[in-house]
Protein backbone atom coordinates (compact mmCIF):
# COMPACT_ATOMS: atom_id res chain seq x y z
CA MET A 1 -8.09 20.93 0.84
CA ILE A 2 -8.42 17.12 0.99
CA SER A 3 -5.22 15.14 1.46
CA GLN A 4 -3.74 13.28 -1.47
CA LEU A 5 -2.29 9.77 -1.29
CA PHE A 6 1.35 10.73 -1.80
CA ALA A 7 2.97 7.33 -1.23
CA VAL A 8 2.72 3.84 0.18
CA SER A 9 5.71 3.44 2.50
CA PHE A 10 7.48 0.17 3.35
CA GLU A 11 9.93 -0.06 6.23
CA ALA A 12 13.08 -1.89 5.21
CA SER A 13 16.40 -2.95 6.68
CA ARG A 14 18.02 -2.01 3.34
CA PRO A 15 15.80 0.56 1.59
CA PRO A 16 17.99 0.88 -1.56
CA ARG A 17 17.99 -2.90 -2.10
CA LEU A 18 14.22 -3.15 -1.74
CA ALA A 19 13.68 -0.16 -4.02
CA GLU A 20 15.88 -1.85 -6.61
CA PHE A 21 13.72 -4.98 -6.46
CA TRP A 22 10.42 -3.15 -6.88
CA SER A 23 11.69 -0.79 -9.56
CA GLY A 24 12.88 -3.84 -11.50
CA LEU A 25 9.56 -5.61 -11.09
CA LEU A 26 7.35 -2.59 -11.82
CA GLY A 27 9.55 -0.94 -14.42
CA GLY A 28 9.95 2.30 -12.47
CA LYS A 29 12.76 4.66 -11.55
CA THR A 30 14.27 5.19 -8.11
CA ALA A 31 15.00 8.50 -6.42
CA ASP A 32 16.43 9.55 -3.05
CA ASP A 33 13.85 10.42 -0.43
CA PRO A 34 14.08 12.56 2.75
CA GLY A 35 15.31 10.74 5.85
CA ASP A 36 17.55 8.14 4.18
CA GLY A 37 14.65 6.67 2.20
CA VAL A 38 14.33 5.72 -1.46
CA SER A 39 11.21 6.09 -3.59
CA VAL A 40 10.00 4.38 -6.75
CA GLN A 41 7.63 5.92 -9.26
CA PRO A 42 6.32 2.93 -11.23
CA GLY A 43 6.55 3.13 -15.01
CA GLU A 44 2.78 2.75 -15.05
CA ASP A 45 1.54 5.70 -13.02
CA PRO A 46 -0.62 4.44 -10.12
CA GLY A 47 -1.13 7.96 -8.75
CA PHE A 48 1.27 7.51 -5.83
CA ARG A 49 4.89 6.70 -5.09
CA ILE A 50 6.21 3.61 -3.36
CA ARG A 51 8.67 4.58 -0.64
CA PHE A 52 11.22 2.50 1.26
CA VAL A 53 12.30 3.94 4.61
CA PRO A 54 14.56 2.67 7.44
CA GLU A 55 12.79 0.16 9.67
CA ARG A 56 12.00 0.72 13.33
CA ALA A 57 12.00 -3.00 14.18
CA PRO A 58 12.51 -6.28 12.29
CA LYS A 59 9.53 -7.87 10.52
CA THR A 60 7.80 -10.36 12.82
CA GLY A 61 4.54 -11.25 11.10
CA GLN A 62 2.46 -10.93 7.96
CA ASN A 63 1.94 -7.40 6.68
CA LEU A 64 -1.55 -5.92 6.85
CA MET A 65 -1.21 -4.57 3.29
CA HIS A 66 0.07 -6.17 0.10
CA PHE A 67 0.06 -5.51 -3.63
CA ASP A 68 -2.02 -7.57 -6.05
CA LEU A 69 -0.36 -7.59 -9.49
CA THR A 70 -2.48 -8.45 -12.52
CA SER A 71 -1.91 -10.79 -15.48
CA THR A 72 -3.23 -10.74 -19.03
CA SER A 73 -2.68 -14.49 -19.60
CA LEU A 74 -1.26 -17.56 -17.89
CA ALA A 75 1.99 -16.99 -19.77
CA ASP A 76 2.06 -13.38 -18.57
CA GLN A 77 1.48 -14.51 -14.97
CA GLN A 78 4.30 -17.04 -15.25
CA GLN A 79 6.62 -14.39 -16.70
CA THR A 80 5.87 -11.99 -13.82
CA VAL A 81 6.53 -14.74 -11.27
CA ALA A 82 9.77 -15.73 -13.02
CA ARG A 83 10.94 -12.09 -13.16
CA ALA A 84 10.16 -11.60 -9.47
CA LEU A 85 12.08 -14.76 -8.51
CA GLU A 86 15.04 -13.66 -10.62
CA LEU A 87 15.07 -10.30 -8.83
CA GLY A 88 15.13 -11.97 -5.40
CA ALA A 89 11.53 -12.91 -4.49
CA ARG A 90 10.52 -16.33 -3.14
CA HIS A 91 7.38 -18.44 -2.97
CA ILE A 92 5.58 -18.43 0.40
CA ASP A 93 2.60 -20.22 1.94
CA ILE A 94 0.07 -18.04 3.78
CA GLY A 95 -2.72 -20.61 3.69
CA GLN A 96 -3.71 -20.31 0.04
CA LEU A 97 -5.53 -23.35 -1.38
CA PRO A 98 -4.13 -25.46 -4.24
CA GLU A 99 -7.11 -24.64 -6.45
CA GLU A 100 -6.61 -20.89 -6.10
CA GLY A 101 -5.10 -19.36 -9.20
CA HIS A 102 -3.03 -16.56 -7.71
CA VAL A 103 0.65 -16.97 -6.80
CA VAL A 104 1.85 -15.70 -3.43
CA LEU A 105 5.40 -14.39 -3.23
CA ALA A 106 7.54 -12.38 -0.84
CA ASP A 107 10.08 -9.73 -1.80
CA PRO A 108 13.71 -9.90 -0.53
CA GLU A 109 12.65 -8.59 2.90
CA GLY A 110 9.61 -10.84 3.26
CA ASN A 111 6.88 -8.40 2.19
CA GLU A 112 4.05 -10.45 0.74
CA PHE A 113 2.49 -9.80 -2.67
CA CYS A 114 0.27 -11.72 -5.08
CA VAL A 115 0.38 -12.25 -8.81
CA ILE A 116 -3.28 -12.62 -9.75
CA GLU A 117 -4.45 -15.07 -12.38
CA PRO A 118 -5.88 -13.76 -15.70
CA GLY A 119 -9.61 -13.24 -15.96
CA ASN A 120 -10.07 -11.64 -12.53
CA LYS A 121 -13.19 -9.52 -13.07
CA PHE A 122 -12.68 -7.31 -10.03
CA LEU A 123 -9.34 -6.06 -11.37
CA ALA A 124 -10.29 -6.24 -15.06
CA ASP A 125 -9.93 -2.50 -15.74
CA CYS A 126 -6.86 -1.98 -13.53
CA GLY A 127 -3.23 -1.78 -14.57
CA PHE A 128 -0.31 -3.99 -13.51
CA ILE A 129 -0.70 -2.88 -9.90
CA GLY A 130 -4.32 -3.96 -9.62
CA ALA A 131 -4.88 -3.31 -5.94
CA LEU A 132 -3.36 -2.62 -2.58
CA ALA A 133 -5.18 -5.25 -0.51
CA CYS A 134 -5.52 -4.32 3.16
CA ASP A 135 -6.66 -6.09 6.28
CA GLY A 136 -9.42 -3.91 7.69
CA SER A 137 -13.01 -3.33 8.69
CA GLN A 138 -15.88 -1.89 6.71
CA GLN A 139 -15.64 1.20 8.90
CA VAL A 140 -12.06 1.81 7.87
CA GLY A 141 -13.01 1.53 4.21
CA TYR A 142 -15.59 4.26 4.78
CA PHE A 143 -12.98 6.34 6.62
CA TRP A 144 -10.49 6.21 3.75
CA SER A 145 -13.18 6.96 1.19
CA ALA A 146 -13.98 10.17 3.06
CA ALA A 147 -10.35 10.96 3.90
CA LEU A 148 -9.14 10.78 0.29
CA GLY A 149 -12.37 11.76 -1.46
CA TRP A 150 -12.32 8.48 -3.40
CA PRO A 151 -15.68 6.81 -4.09
CA LEU A 152 -16.55 3.33 -2.91
CA VAL A 153 -16.40 0.86 -5.81
CA TRP A 154 -17.26 -2.20 -3.67
CA ASP A 155 -19.27 -2.54 -0.46
CA GLN A 156 -20.57 -6.05 0.16
CA ASP A 157 -20.43 -8.48 3.11
CA GLN A 158 -18.30 -5.97 5.08
CA GLU A 159 -15.69 -5.93 2.32
CA THR A 160 -14.97 -2.50 0.84
CA ALA A 161 -12.89 -1.00 -1.94
CA ILE A 162 -12.23 2.54 -3.10
CA ARG A 163 -10.54 3.94 -6.18
CA SER A 164 -9.35 7.33 -7.29
CA PRO A 165 -11.72 9.07 -9.71
CA HIS A 166 -8.68 9.26 -12.02
CA GLY A 167 -8.19 5.48 -12.06
CA GLY A 168 -5.18 3.54 -10.84
CA PRO A 169 -5.10 0.70 -8.31
CA LYS A 170 -7.99 -0.09 -6.00
CA LEU A 171 -7.56 0.05 -2.23
CA THR A 172 -9.43 -2.86 -0.68
CA TRP A 173 -10.31 -3.98 2.87
CA GLY A 174 -11.28 -7.60 3.49
CA GLY A 175 -13.50 -7.21 6.54
CA PRO A 176 -13.50 -9.50 9.59
CA PRO A 177 -11.84 -11.42 11.04
CA LEU A 178 -8.98 -8.95 11.34
CA SER A 179 -5.44 -10.23 11.65
CA PRO A 180 -3.63 -9.70 14.97
CA ARG A 181 -0.96 -7.03 15.10
CA THR A 182 2.56 -8.31 15.65
CA GLY A 183 4.41 -5.00 15.91
CA PRO A 184 4.58 -1.54 14.35
CA ASP A 185 2.99 -1.16 10.91
CA ARG A 186 5.69 -1.80 8.31
CA VAL A 187 3.49 -0.63 5.42
CA ARG A 188 1.48 2.58 5.68
CA PHE A 189 -0.06 5.42 3.72
CA ASP A 190 1.70 8.78 3.43
CA LEU A 191 -0.71 11.63 2.77
CA ALA A 192 0.21 15.08 1.54
CA VAL A 193 -1.78 18.28 1.90
CA PRO A 194 -1.57 20.35 -1.32
CA LEU A 195 -1.06 23.64 0.55
CA PRO A 196 1.06 23.73 3.76
CA ASP A 197 -1.19 26.37 5.34
CA ASP A 198 -4.10 23.91 5.10
CA ARG A 199 -2.32 21.26 7.20
CA PRO A 200 -3.80 22.17 10.65
CA ALA A 201 -7.33 22.19 9.25
CA GLU A 202 -6.71 18.91 7.45
CA ILE A 203 -5.49 17.27 10.65
CA ASP A 204 -8.68 18.44 12.38
CA ARG A 205 -10.78 17.03 9.51
CA LEU A 206 -9.08 13.62 9.71
CA LEU A 207 -9.53 13.54 13.48
CA ALA A 208 -13.23 14.35 13.06
CA LEU A 209 -13.54 11.44 10.61
CA GLY A 210 -12.19 9.04 13.24
CA ALA A 211 -8.40 9.25 13.09
CA THR A 212 -6.28 9.54 16.23
CA ARG A 213 -3.05 11.47 16.70
CA LEU A 214 0.04 9.34 17.45
CA GLY A 215 2.86 11.85 17.18
CA THR A 216 3.64 15.53 16.87
CA GLY A 217 5.92 15.27 13.87
CA ASP A 218 9.65 14.90 13.28
CA THR A 219 12.54 16.57 11.47
CA THR A 220 11.23 15.37 8.08
CA GLY A 221 7.90 17.13 8.65
CA ARG A 222 6.00 13.88 9.21
CA MET A 223 2.90 13.77 11.43
CA LEU A 224 1.88 10.27 12.55
CA LEU A 225 -1.79 9.36 12.95
CA ALA A 226 -3.90 6.18 13.01
CA ASP A 227 -7.13 5.30 11.21
CA PRO A 228 -10.17 3.83 13.07
CA ASP A 229 -8.64 0.31 12.93
CA GLY A 230 -5.39 1.58 14.45
CA ASN A 231 -3.40 1.46 11.20
CA GLU A 232 -0.65 4.07 11.20
CA PHE A 233 -0.49 6.69 8.48
CA SER A 234 1.47 9.88 8.02
CA LEU A 235 0.94 13.43 6.88
CA VAL A 236 4.13 14.40 5.08
CA THR A 237 5.62 17.49 3.52
CA PRO A 238 6.55 16.60 -0.09
CA ARG A 239 10.01 17.68 -1.25
């Protein structure tokens, strides 16, 4: 059985506070998660949870993944930005140009996200969470397409994107140059195998696709691996 994208996990110094911010912004509900974490299921179902788990180390650089939120109009974009700021976000500068229409913000713990301008054709048929934009190579886009069984919806100039056959946000990789790593990955994918007995075979399949094993698991049933670019991801046991 192919793994399912169970969650996108963010490390946080205060998981409940960060979950409160994102549930307020996305309109979702929070729930306790194994291992002192908190999860959010957005009101608009993206097909996966957003989890907030205790951090291993403080944030030291820009994340390699961030959410792109969509807008239906300039007024809608402004309202999303205003709501985010009211909830505790702040404006940040990551090198965006003045003529670019998207707004770059950071949540209360500095995790970057963008509020995209209306009329973006690439995200035209997506919901409020338009994409999870990732730093990564073309090879890693191919890896995740095979790992999740999601078709490629973009493959040009070493930029790739995949999307679930059921819809939801796109997962995108921007191609070279890749950003330098500044510490452990603070945002990562959590995959779940539908049937526990299929887990050993699924680990072997992911390794054959190009993953590497980083850990043997922990008390929460998490197995840590890395994709071909070295991005950490987990196999988890849903509860």
